[in-house]
Protein backbone atom coordinates (compact mmCIF):
# COMPACT_ATOMS: atom_id res chain seq x y z
CA MET A 1 105.64 118.78 110.77
CA LYS A 2 106.76 116.04 113.14
CA HIS A 3 103.63 113.94 113.21
CA LEU A 4 102.45 111.65 110.45
CA THR A 5 99.34 112.76 108.62
CA VAL A 6 96.32 110.54 108.07
CA LYS A 7 97.32 110.35 104.41
CA GLN A 8 100.83 109.16 105.32
CA ARG A 9 99.39 106.53 107.67
CA TYR A 10 97.03 105.36 104.95
CA THR A 11 99.97 105.12 102.53
CA ILE A 12 101.89 103.02 105.06
CA SER A 13 98.90 100.70 105.39
CA VAL A 14 98.44 100.25 101.65
CA MET A 15 102.13 99.78 100.93
CA LEU A 16 102.51 97.22 103.74
CA GLN A 17 99.62 95.23 102.29
CA LYS A 18 101.31 95.32 98.88
CA GLY A 19 104.58 94.01 100.34
CA TYR A 20 106.79 97.10 100.19
CA THR A 21 109.72 97.34 102.60
CA GLN A 22 109.83 99.90 105.38
CA LYS A 23 112.64 101.68 103.54
CA GLN A 24 110.55 101.96 100.37
CA ILE A 25 107.58 103.23 102.38
CA ALA A 26 109.77 105.81 104.13
CA GLU A 27 111.06 107.10 100.81
CA ALA A 28 107.52 107.31 99.42
CA ILE A 29 106.19 109.40 102.31
CA GLY A 30 109.34 111.45 102.87
CA LYS A 31 110.12 110.23 106.38
CA HIS A 32 113.04 108.37 107.92
CA LYS A 33 112.77 104.58 107.95
CA SER A 34 112.94 104.55 111.76
CA THR A 35 109.82 106.75 111.86
CA VAL A 36 107.98 104.22 109.71
CA SER A 37 109.26 101.36 111.85
CA ARG A 38 108.07 103.02 115.07
CA GLU A 39 104.69 103.85 113.55
CA ILE A 40 104.15 100.24 112.51
CA ARG A 41 105.31 98.88 115.87
CA ARG A 42 103.08 101.26 117.84
CA ASN A 43 99.98 100.62 115.76
CA CYS A 44 100.03 96.90 115.08
CA ASP A 45 97.25 94.70 116.35
CA ALA A 46 98.72 92.37 118.99
CA ARG A 47 96.40 89.54 117.96
CA ASN A 48 97.21 89.32 114.27
CA GLY A 49 100.04 91.79 113.64
CA ALA A 50 97.99 93.88 111.22
CA TYR A 51 98.80 97.59 111.00
CA ARG A 52 95.97 99.86 112.16
CA TYR A 53 96.14 103.47 111.03
């Protein structure tokens, strides 16, 4: 499957809040680090930089 699941997006959110790196998050959800980077960039709040899943 090419798209991220809701569960994977939730995992990204939680791990970001806990201070994990994008590489660590990518390994945890089984996706490439560039996929995680794009997901974060596309879904960050412009006002405060918080990730919205």
